[in-house]
Amino acid sequence: MYYALIYDNHPSYMSERGKYRDEHLGLLQQLVDDQELALAGAFDEPDRSLYIFKGPRAEASAREFVAHDPYVANKLLNKWEIVKWNVVLGADMDA
């Protein structure tokens, strides 16, 4: 099972994220280490980010991440959403 977390970044995101980046990346790394996060990255345009959570706790993991992410707490986002992602083809289909 997969869930996508999509962040719509605030215009101040790039100038403000440095203060919180290490903590943000540390939370993500822990999710990778726990095999709950498959991918994380940013789009060039528009200024958004995408996180792919996997496994039986995918939705819960995404919600817990949002609840603790300093980017959310410090209002570096316009909005965020978590959606189920139905994968139909790929190498890691058993997640």
PDB file of N, CA and C in Angstrom:
ATOM      1  N   MET A   1       0.842  -1.169   0.000  1.00  0.00           N
ATOM      2  CA  MET A   1       0.000   0.000   0.000  1.00  0.00           C
ATOM      3  C   MET A   1       0.890   1.236   0.000  1.00  0.00           C
ATOM      4  N   TYR A   2       0.455   2.227  -0.764  1.00  0.00           N
ATOM      5  CA  TYR A   2       1.199   3.473  -0.874  1.00  0.00           C
ATOM      6  C   TYR A   2       0.285   4.669  -0.599  1.00  0.00           C
ATOM      7  N   TYR A   3       0.857   5.693  -0.003  1.00  0.00           N
ATOM      8  CA  TYR A   3       0.186   6.975   0.158  1.00  0.00           C
ATOM      9  C   TYR A   3       1.155   8.067  -0.256  1.00  0.00           C
ATOM     10  N   ALA A   4       0.635   9.070  -0.949  1.00  0.00           N
ATOM     11  CA  ALA A   4       1.437  10.221  -1.366  1.00  0.00           C
ATOM     12  C   ALA A   4       1.094  11.409  -0.470  1.00  0.00           C
ATOM     13  N   LEU A   5       2.116  12.073  -0.008  1.00  0.00           N
ATOM     14  CA  LEU A   5       1.976  13.329   0.723  1.00  0.00           C
ATOM     15  C   LEU A   5       2.481  14.417  -0.212  1.00  0.00           C
ATOM     16  N   ILE A   6       1.633  15.401  -0.465  1.00  0.00           N
ATOM     17  CA  ILE A   6       1.987  16.489  -1.372  1.00  0.00           C
ATOM     18  C   ILE A   6       1.972  17.795  -0.593  1.00  0.00           C
ATOM     19  N   TYR A   7       3.103  18.480  -0.638  1.00  0.00           N
ATOM     20  CA  TYR A   7       3.235  19.789  -0.007  1.00  0.00           C
ATOM     21  C   TYR A   7       3.179  20.858  -1.090  1.00  0.00           C
ATOM     22  N   ASP A   8       2.370  21.879  -0.880  1.00  0.00           N
ATOM     23  CA  ASP A   8       2.341  23.072  -1.714  1.00  0.00           C
ATOM     24  C   ASP A   8       3.103  24.138  -0.928  1.00  0.00           C
ATOM     25  N   ASN A   9       4.307  24.420  -1.352  1.00  0.00           N
ATOM     26  CA  ASN A   9       5.211  25.272  -0.590  1.00  0.00           C
ATOM     27  C   ASN A   9       4.832  26.752  -0.658  1.00  0.00           C
ATOM     28  N   HIS A  10       4.959  27.423   0.465  1.00  0.00           N
ATOM     29  CA  HIS A  10       4.704  28.859   0.589  1.00  0.00           C
ATOM     30  C   HIS A  10       5.819  29.619  -0.134  1.00  0.00           C
ATOM     31  N   PRO A  11       5.543  30.828  -0.645  1.00  0.00           N
ATOM     32  CA  PRO A  11       6.602  31.604  -1.309  1.00  0.00           C
ATOM     33  C   PRO A  11       7.853  31.824  -0.449  1.00  0.00           C
ATOM     34  N   SER A  12       7.718  31.822   0.861  1.00  0.00           N
ATOM     35  CA  SER A  12       8.883  32.013   1.734  1.00  0.00           C
ATOM     36  C   SER A  12       9.652  30.719   1.997  1.00  0.00           C
ATOM     37  N   TYR A  13       9.176  29.615   1.446  1.00  0.00           N
ATOM     38  CA  TYR A  13       9.760  28.295   1.707  1.00  0.00           C
ATOM     39  C   TYR A  13      11.275  28.270   1.484  1.00  0.00           C
ATOM     40  N   MET A  14      11.726  28.699   0.331  1.00  0.00           N
ATOM     41  CA  MET A  14      13.157  28.598   0.016  1.00  0.00           C
ATOM     42  C   MET A  14      14.017  29.461   0.936  1.00  0.00           C
ATOM     43  N   SER A  15      13.538  30.612   1.311  1.00  0.00           N
ATOM     44  CA  SER A  15      14.351  31.490   2.162  1.00  0.00           C
ATOM     45  C   SER A  15      14.298  31.085   3.633  1.00  0.00           C
ATOM     46  N   GLU A  16      13.267  30.360   4.039  1.00  0.00           N
ATOM     47  CA  GLU A  16      13.082  30.013   5.449  1.00  0.00           C
ATOM     48  C   GLU A  16      13.432  28.566   5.804  1.00  0.00           C
ATOM     49  N   ARG A  17      13.473  27.676   4.833  1.00  0.00           N
ATOM     50  CA  ARG A  17      13.604  26.248   5.150  1.00  0.00           C
ATOM     51  C   ARG A  17      14.934  25.870   5.801  1.00  0.00           C
ATOM     52  N   GLY A  18      15.973  26.642   5.579  1.00  0.00           N
ATOM     53  CA  GLY A  18      17.287  26.313   6.116  1.00  0.00           C
ATOM     54  C   GLY A  18      17.293  26.140   7.626  1.00  0.00           C
ATOM     55  N   LYS A  19      16.490  26.913   8.320  1.00  0.00           N
ATOM     56  CA  LYS A  19      16.421  26.836   9.782  1.00  0.00           C
ATOM     57  C   LYS A  19      15.896  25.495  10.276  1.00  0.00           C
ATOM     58  N   TYR A  20      15.117  24.824   9.428  1.00  0.00           N
ATOM     59  CA  TYR A  20      14.407  23.614   9.845  1.00  0.00           C
ATOM     60  C   TYR A  20      14.805  22.379   9.032  1.00  0.00           C
ATOM     61  N   ARG A  21      15.676  22.576   8.058  1.00  0.00           N
ATOM     62  CA  ARG A  21      15.996  21.502   7.099  1.00  0.00           C
ATOM     63  C   ARG A  21      16.609  20.268   7.759  1.00  0.00           C
ATOM     64  N   ASP A  22      17.550  20.440   8.669  1.00  0.00           N
ATOM     65  CA  ASP A  22      18.186  19.273   9.296  1.00  0.00           C
ATOM     66  C   ASP A  22      17.166  18.424  10.053  1.00  0.00           C
ATOM     67  N   GLU A  23      16.292  19.081  10.791  1.00  0.00           N
ATOM     68  CA  GLU A  23      15.263  18.335  11.524  1.00  0.00           C
ATOM     69  C   GLU A  23      14.303  17.646  10.556  1.00  0.00           C
ATOM     70  N   HIS A  24      13.885  18.347   9.513  1.00  0.00           N
ATOM     71  CA  HIS A  24      12.994  17.806   8.485  1.00  0.00           C
ATOM     72  C   HIS A  24      13.616  16.567   7.836  1.00  0.00           C
ATOM     73  N   LEU A  25      14.874  16.698   7.404  1.00  0.00           N
ATOM     74  CA  LEU A  25      15.554  15.569   6.754  1.00  0.00           C
ATOM     75  C   LEU A  25      15.813  14.424   7.727  1.00  0.00           C
ATOM     76  N   GLY A  26      16.058  14.744   8.987  1.00  0.00           N
ATOM     77  CA  GLY A  26      16.241  13.693   9.993  1.00  0.00           C
ATOM     78  C   GLY A  26      14.987  12.854  10.175  1.00  0.00           C
ATOM     79  N   LEU A  27      13.829  13.506  10.199  1.00  0.00           N
ATOM     80  CA  LEU A  27      12.562  12.774  10.293  1.00  0.00           C
ATOM     81  C   LEU A  27      12.365  11.879   9.075  1.00  0.00           C
ATOM     82  N   LEU A  28      12.684  12.413   7.895  1.00  0.00           N
ATOM     83  CA  LEU A  28      12.562  11.618   6.673  1.00  0.00           C
ATOM     84  C   LEU A  28      13.528  10.435   6.679  1.00  0.00           C
ATOM     85  N   GLN A  29      14.759  10.660   7.114  1.00  0.00           N
ATOM     86  CA  GLN A  29      15.743   9.576   7.138  1.00  0.00           C
ATOM     87  C   GLN A  29      15.292   8.450   8.058  1.00  0.00           C
ATOM     88  N   GLN A  30      14.693   8.804   9.191  1.00  0.00           N
ATOM     89  CA  GLN A  30      14.194   7.778  10.103  1.00  0.00           C
ATOM     90  C   GLN A  30      13.108   6.938   9.431  1.00  0.00           C
ATOM     91  N   LEU A  31      12.254   7.575   8.647  1.00  0.00           N
ATOM     92  CA  LEU A  31      11.212   6.850   7.920  1.00  0.00           C
ATOM     93  C   LEU A  31      11.812   5.936   6.852  1.00  0.00           C
ATOM     94  N   VAL A  32      12.868   6.386   6.200  1.00  0.00           N
ATOM     95  CA  VAL A  32      13.574   5.528   5.234  1.00  0.00           C
ATOM     96  C   VAL A  32      14.185   4.341   5.969  1.00  0.00           C
ATOM     97  N   ASP A  33      14.858   4.611   7.083  1.00  0.00           N
ATOM     98  CA  ASP A  33      15.479   3.539   7.869  1.00  0.00           C
ATOM     99  C   ASP A  33      14.446   2.523   8.344  1.00  0.00           C
ATOM    100  N   ASP A  34      13.244   3.000   8.664  1.00  0.00           N
ATOM    101  CA  ASP A  34      12.153   2.124   9.118  1.00  0.00           C
ATOM    102  C   ASP A  34      11.390   1.503   7.960  1.00  0.00           C
ATOM    103  N   GLN A  35      11.839   1.765   6.731  1.00  0.00           N
ATOM    104  CA  GLN A  35      11.230   1.253   5.499  1.00  0.00           C
ATOM    105  C   GLN A  35       9.767   1.681   5.352  1.00  0.00           C
ATOM    106  N   GLU A  36       9.456   2.889   5.800  1.00  0.00           N
ATOM    107  CA  GLU A  36       8.107   3.435   5.666  1.00  0.00           C
ATOM    108  C   GLU A  36       8.034   4.533   4.603  1.00  0.00           C
ATOM    109  N   LEU A  37       9.182   5.038   4.162  1.00  0.00           N
ATOM    110  CA  LEU A  37       9.224   6.073   3.134  1.00  0.00           C
ATOM    111  C   LEU A  37      10.012   5.540   1.944  1.00  0.00           C
ATOM    112  N   ALA A  38       9.383   5.567   0.763  1.00  0.00           N
ATOM    113  CA  ALA A  38      10.035   5.068  -0.443  1.00  0.00           C
ATOM    114  C   ALA A  38      10.819   6.157  -1.157  1.00  0.00           C
ATOM    115  N   LEU A  39      10.218   7.335  -1.284  1.00  0.00           N
ATOM    116  CA  LEU A  39      10.826   8.432  -2.044  1.00  0.00           C
ATOM    117  C   LEU A  39      10.415   9.769  -1.454  1.00  0.00           C
ATOM    118  N   ALA A  40      11.271  10.757  -1.622  1.00  0.00           N
ATOM    119  CA  ALA A  40      10.943  12.122  -1.222  1.00  0.00           C
ATOM    120  C   ALA A  40      11.691  13.071  -2.149  1.00  0.00           C
ATOM    121  N   GLY A  41      11.015  14.136  -2.560  1.00  0.00           N
ATOM    122  CA  GLY A  41      11.675  15.088  -3.430  1.00  0.00           C
ATOM    123  C   GLY A  41      10.786  16.263  -3.761  1.00  0.00           C
ATOM    124  N   ALA A  42      11.332  17.193  -4.545  1.00  0.00           N
ATOM    125  CA  ALA A  42      10.627  18.418  -4.892  1.00  0.00           C
ATOM    126  C   ALA A  42      10.465  18.531  -6.401  1.00  0.00           C
ATOM    127  N   PHE A  43       9.385  19.164  -6.802  1.00  0.00           N
ATOM    128  CA  PHE A  43       9.158  19.492  -8.209  1.00  0.00           C
ATOM    129  C   PHE A  43       9.818  20.835  -8.504  1.00  0.00           C
ATOM    130  N   ASP A  44      10.238  21.032  -9.736  1.00  0.00           N
ATOM    131  CA  ASP A  44      10.762  22.336 -10.135  1.00  0.00           C
ATOM    132  C   ASP A  44       9.638  23.364 -10.203  1.00  0.00           C
ATOM    133  N   GLU A  45       8.583  23.034 -10.890  1.00  0.00           N
ATOM    134  CA  GLU A  45       7.442  23.939 -11.064  1.00  0.00           C
ATOM    135  C   GLU A  45       6.162  23.135 -10.996  1.00  0.00           C
ATOM    136  N   PRO A  46       5.150  23.543 -10.309  1.00  0.00           N
ATOM    137  CA  PRO A  46       5.203  24.612  -9.317  1.00  0.00           C
ATOM    138  C   PRO A  46       5.995  24.154  -8.106  1.00  0.00           C
ATOM    139  N   ASP A  47       6.186  25.032  -7.178  1.00  0.00           N
ATOM    140  CA  ASP A  47       7.011  24.758  -6.002  1.00  0.00           C
ATOM    141  C   ASP A  47       6.243  23.845  -5.048  1.00  0.00           C
ATOM    142  N   ARG A  48       6.373  22.543  -5.294  1.00  0.00           N
ATOM    143  CA  ARG A  48       5.711  21.543  -4.460  1.00  0.00           C
ATOM    144  C   ARG A  48       6.689  20.419  -4.167  1.00  0.00           C
ATOM    145  N   SER A  49       6.352  19.619  -3.153  1.00  0.00           N
ATOM    146  CA  SER A  49       7.169  18.470  -2.780  1.00  0.00           C
ATOM    147  C   SER A  49       6.280  17.238  -2.721  1.00  0.00           C
ATOM    148  N   LEU A  50       6.889  16.073  -2.963  1.00  0.00           N
ATOM    149  CA  LEU A  50       6.162  14.814  -2.979  1.00  0.00           C
ATOM    150  C   LEU A  50       6.909  13.793  -2.136  1.00  0.00           C
ATOM    151  N   TYR A  51       6.157  13.105  -1.283  1.00  0.00           N
ATOM    152  CA  TYR A  51       6.703  12.062  -0.425  1.00  0.00           C
ATOM    153  C   TYR A  51       5.849  10.819  -0.641  1.00  0.00           C
ATOM    154  N   ILE A  52       6.492   9.681  -0.902  1.00  0.00           N
ATOM    155  CA  ILE A  52       5.763   8.435  -1.118  1.00  0.00           C
ATOM    156  C   ILE A  52       6.018   7.516   0.071  1.00  0.00           C
ATOM    157  N   PHE A  53       4.956   7.262   0.820  1.00  0.00           N
ATOM    158  CA  PHE A  53       5.000   6.373   1.975  1.00  0.00           C
ATOM    159  C   PHE A  53       4.511   4.995   1.545  1.00  0.00           C
ATOM    160  N   LYS A  54       5.098   3.952   2.150  1.00  0.00           N
ATOM    161  CA  LYS A  54       4.745   2.599   1.732  1.00  0.00           C
ATOM    162  C   LYS A  54       4.531   1.696   2.938  1.00  0.00           C
ATOM    163  N   GLY A  55       3.817   0.605   2.695  1.00  0.00           N
ATOM    164  CA  GLY A  55       3.625  -0.405   3.716  1.00  0.00           C
ATOM    165  C   GLY A  55       2.276  -0.308   4.400  1.00  0.00           C
ATOM    166  N   PRO A  56       2.037  -1.199   5.337  1.00  0.00           N
ATOM    167  CA  PRO A  56       0.729  -1.249   5.998  1.00  0.00           C
ATOM    168  C   PRO A  56       0.411  -0.015   6.838  1.00  0.00           C
ATOM    169  N   ARG A  57       1.437   0.741   7.241  1.00  0.00           N
ATOM    170  CA  ARG A  57       1.240   1.950   8.039  1.00  0.00           C
ATOM    171  C   ARG A  57       1.419   3.219   7.211  1.00  0.00           C
ATOM    172  N   ALA A  58       1.344   3.108   5.894  1.00  0.00           N
ATOM    173  CA  ALA A  58       1.676   4.238   5.023  1.00  0.00           C
ATOM    174  C   ALA A  58       0.880   5.488   5.351  1.00  0.00           C
ATOM    175  N   GLU A  59      -0.427   5.375   5.475  1.00  0.00           N
ATOM    176  CA  GLU A  59      -1.226   6.563   5.767  1.00  0.00           C
ATOM    177  C   GLU A  59      -0.904   7.116   7.159  1.00  0.00           C
ATOM    178  N   ALA A  60      -0.814   6.246   8.136  1.00  0.00           N
ATOM    179  CA  ALA A  60      -0.497   6.682   9.500  1.00  0.00           C
ATOM    180  C   ALA A  60       0.888   7.321   9.548  1.00  0.00           C
ATOM    181  N   SER A  61       1.854   6.745   8.848  1.00  0.00           N
ATOM    182  CA  SER A  61       3.209   7.303   8.821  1.00  0.00           C
ATOM    183  C   SER A  61       3.216   8.705   8.222  1.00  0.00           C
ATOM    184  N   ALA A  62       2.462   8.886   7.148  1.00  0.00           N
ATOM    185  CA  ALA A  62       2.383  10.199   6.510  1.00  0.00           C
ATOM    186  C   ALA A  62       1.764  11.218   7.473  1.00  0.00           C
ATOM    187  N   ARG A  63       0.703  10.831   8.149  1.00  0.00           N
ATOM    188  CA  ARG A  63       0.033  11.745   9.088  1.00  0.00           C
ATOM    189  C   ARG A  63       0.935  12.079  10.288  1.00  0.00           C
ATOM    190  N   GLU A  64       1.655  11.088  10.777  1.00  0.00           N
ATOM    191  CA  GLU A  64       2.578  11.319  11.892  1.00  0.00           C
ATOM    192  C   GLU A  64       3.720  12.247  11.467  1.00  0.00           C
ATOM    193  N   PHE A  65       4.209  12.044  10.244  1.00  0.00           N
ATOM    194  CA  PHE A  65       5.269  12.916   9.736  1.00  0.00           C
ATOM    195  C   PHE A  65       4.793  14.366   9.689  1.00  0.00           C
ATOM    196  N   VAL A  66       3.606  14.595   9.112  1.00  0.00           N
ATOM    197  CA  VAL A  66       3.057  15.954   9.026  1.00  0.00           C
ATOM    198  C   VAL A  66       2.922  16.562  10.422  1.00  0.00           C
ATOM    199  N   ALA A  67       2.480  15.759  11.372  1.00  0.00           N
ATOM    200  CA  ALA A  67       2.269  16.263  12.741  1.00  0.00           C
ATOM    201  C   ALA A  67       3.565  16.710  13.405  1.00  0.00           C
ATOM    202  N   HIS A  68       4.707  16.178  12.946  1.00  0.00           N
ATOM    203  CA  HIS A  68       5.996  16.499  13.571  1.00  0.00           C
ATOM    204  C   HIS A  68       6.938  17.309  12.676  1.00  0.00           C
ATOM    205  N   ASP A  69       6.560  17.523  11.430  1.00  0.00           N
ATOM    206  CA  ASP A  69       7.448  18.202  10.488  1.00  0.00           C
ATOM    207  C   ASP A  69       7.560  19.690  10.818  1.00  0.00           C
ATOM    208  N   PRO A  70       8.775  20.185  11.019  1.00  0.00           N
ATOM    209  CA  PRO A  70       8.938  21.607  11.328  1.00  0.00           C
ATOM    210  C   PRO A  70       8.522  22.522  10.177  1.00  0.00           C
ATOM    211  N   TYR A  71       8.507  22.022   8.951  1.00  0.00           N
ATOM    212  CA  TYR A  71       8.031  22.839   7.836  1.00  0.00           C
ATOM    213  C   TYR A  71       6.554  23.163   8.017  1.00  0.00           C
ATOM    214  N   VAL A  72       5.782  22.195   8.505  1.00  0.00           N
ATOM    215  CA  VAL A  72       4.350  22.416   8.754  1.00  0.00           C
ATOM    216  C   VAL A  72       4.186  23.338   9.963  1.00  0.00           C
ATOM    217  N   ALA A  73       4.880  23.008  11.041  1.00  0.00           N
ATOM    218  CA  ALA A  73       4.746  23.776  12.287  1.00  0.00           C
ATOM    219  C   ALA A  73       5.113  25.246  12.101  1.00  0.00           C
ATOM    220  N   ASN A  74       6.056  25.507  11.206  1.00  0.00           N
ATOM    221  CA  ASN A  74       6.525  26.882  11.007  1.00  0.00           C
ATOM    222  C   ASN A  74       5.933  27.543   9.762  1.00  0.00           C
ATOM    223  N   LYS A  75       4.853  26.945   9.277  1.00  0.00           N
ATOM    224  CA  LYS A  75       4.031  27.541   8.216  1.00  0.00           C
ATOM    225  C   LYS A  75       4.802  27.833   6.924  1.00  0.00           C
ATOM    226  N   LEU A  76       5.616  26.866   6.497  1.00  0.00           N
ATOM    227  CA  LEU A  76       6.330  27.011   5.235  1.00  0.00           C
ATOM    228  C   LEU A  76       5.528  26.454   4.064  1.00  0.00           C
ATOM    229  N   LEU A  77       4.279  26.073   4.334  1.00  0.00           N
ATOM    230  CA  LEU A  77       3.423  25.481   3.301  1.00  0.00           C
ATOM    231  C   LEU A  77       2.149  26.280   3.150  1.00  0.00           C
ATOM    232  N   ASN A  78       1.630  26.316   1.921  1.00  0.00           N
ATOM    233  CA  ASN A  78       0.299  26.859   1.691  1.00  0.00           C
ATOM    234  C   ASN A  78      -0.749  25.831   2.093  1.00  0.00           C
ATOM    235  N   LYS A  79      -0.462  24.574   1.761  1.00  0.00           N
ATOM    236  CA  LYS A  79      -1.362  23.479   2.101  1.00  0.00           C
ATOM    237  C   LYS A  79      -0.623  22.162   1.905  1.00  0.00           C
ATOM    238  N   TRP A  80      -1.219  21.098   2.399  1.00  0.00           N
ATOM    239  CA  TRP A  80      -0.694  19.759   2.204  1.00  0.00           C
ATOM    240  C   TRP A  80      -1.882  18.815   2.082  1.00  0.00           C
ATOM    241  N   GLU A  81      -1.643  17.670   1.430  1.00  0.00           N
ATOM    242  CA  GLU A  81      -2.679  16.650   1.341  1.00  0.00           C
ATOM    243  C   GLU A  81      -2.047  15.264   1.281  1.00  0.00           C
ATOM    244  N   ILE A  82      -2.783  14.313   1.818  1.00  0.00           N
ATOM    245  CA  ILE A  82      -2.371  12.907   1.799  1.00  0.00           C
ATOM    246  C   ILE A  82      -3.410  12.156   0.987  1.00  0.00           C
ATOM    247  N   VAL A  83      -2.945  11.425  -0.027  1.00  0.00           N
ATOM    248  CA  VAL A  83      -3.853  10.672  -0.891  1.00  0.00           C
ATOM    249  C   VAL A  83      -3.325   9.257  -1.104  1.00  0.00           C
ATOM    250  N   LYS A  84      -4.255   8.312  -1.196  1.00  0.00           N
ATOM    251  CA  LYS A  84      -3.862   6.933  -1.494  1.00  0.00           C
ATOM    252  C   LYS A  84      -3.379   6.885  -2.931  1.00  0.00           C
ATOM    253  N   TRP A  85      -2.288   6.182  -3.137  1.00  0.00           N
ATOM    254  CA  TRP A  85      -1.706   6.056  -4.471  1.00  0.00           C
ATOM    255  C   TRP A  85      -1.792   4.596  -4.863  1.00  0.00           C
ATOM    256  N   ASN A  86      -2.560   4.305  -5.895  1.00  0.00           N
ATOM    257  CA  ASN A  86      -2.783   2.937  -6.355  1.00  0.00           C
ATOM    258  C   ASN A  86      -1.765   2.595  -7.429  1.00  0.00           C
ATOM    259  N   VAL A  87      -0.708   1.930  -7.060  1.00  0.00           N
ATOM    260  CA  VAL A  87       0.363   1.548  -7.982  1.00  0.00           C
ATOM    261  C   VAL A  87      -0.115   0.350  -8.801  1.00  0.00           C
ATOM    262  N   VAL A  88       0.041   0.416 -10.116  1.00  0.00           N
ATOM    263  CA  VAL A  88      -0.382  -0.676 -10.980  1.00  0.00           C
ATOM    264  C   VAL A  88       0.784  -1.427 -11.616  1.00  0.00           C
ATOM    265  N   LEU A  89       1.970  -0.844 -11.569  1.00  0.00           N
ATOM    266  CA  LEU A  89       3.127  -1.497 -12.162  1.00  0.00           C
ATOM    267  C   LEU A  89       4.385  -0.953 -11.513  1.00  0.00           C
ATOM    268  N   GLY A  90       5.331  -1.821 -11.226  1.00  0.00           N
ATOM    269  CA  GLY A  90       6.594  -1.363 -10.661  1.00  0.00           C
ATOM    270  C   GLY A  90       7.348  -2.495  -9.994  1.00  0.00           C
ATOM    271  N   ALA A  91       8.582  -2.233  -9.664  1.00  0.00           N
ATOM    272  CA  ALA A  91       9.461  -3.231  -9.082  1.00  0.00           C
ATOM    273  C   ALA A  91       9.140  -3.539  -7.635  1.00  0.00           C
ATOM    274  N   ASP A  92       8.518  -2.597  -6.914  1.00  0.00           N
ATOM    275  CA  ASP A  92       8.292  -2.746  -5.479  1.00  0.00           C
ATOM    276  C   ASP A  92       6.791  -2.826  -5.180  1.00  0.00           C
ATOM    277  N   MET A  93       6.123  -3.750  -5.844  1.00  0.00           N
ATOM    278  CA  MET A  93       4.661  -3.846  -5.759  1.00  0.00           C
ATOM    279  C   MET A  93       4.155  -4.413  -4.442  1.00  0.00           C
ATOM    280  N   ASP A  94       5.004  -5.022  -3.640  1.00  0.00           N
ATOM    281  CA  ASP A  94       4.549  -5.686  -2.429  1.00  0.00           C
ATOM    282  C   ASP A  94       4.508  -4.773  -1.198  1.00  0.00           C
ATOM    283  N   ALA A  95       4.801  -3.518  -1.367  1.00  0.00           N
ATOM    284  CA  ALA A  95       4.849  -2.591  -0.234  1.00  0.00           C
ATOM    285  C   ALA A  95       3.470  -2.390   0.380  1.00  0.00           C
TER     286      ALA A  95
END
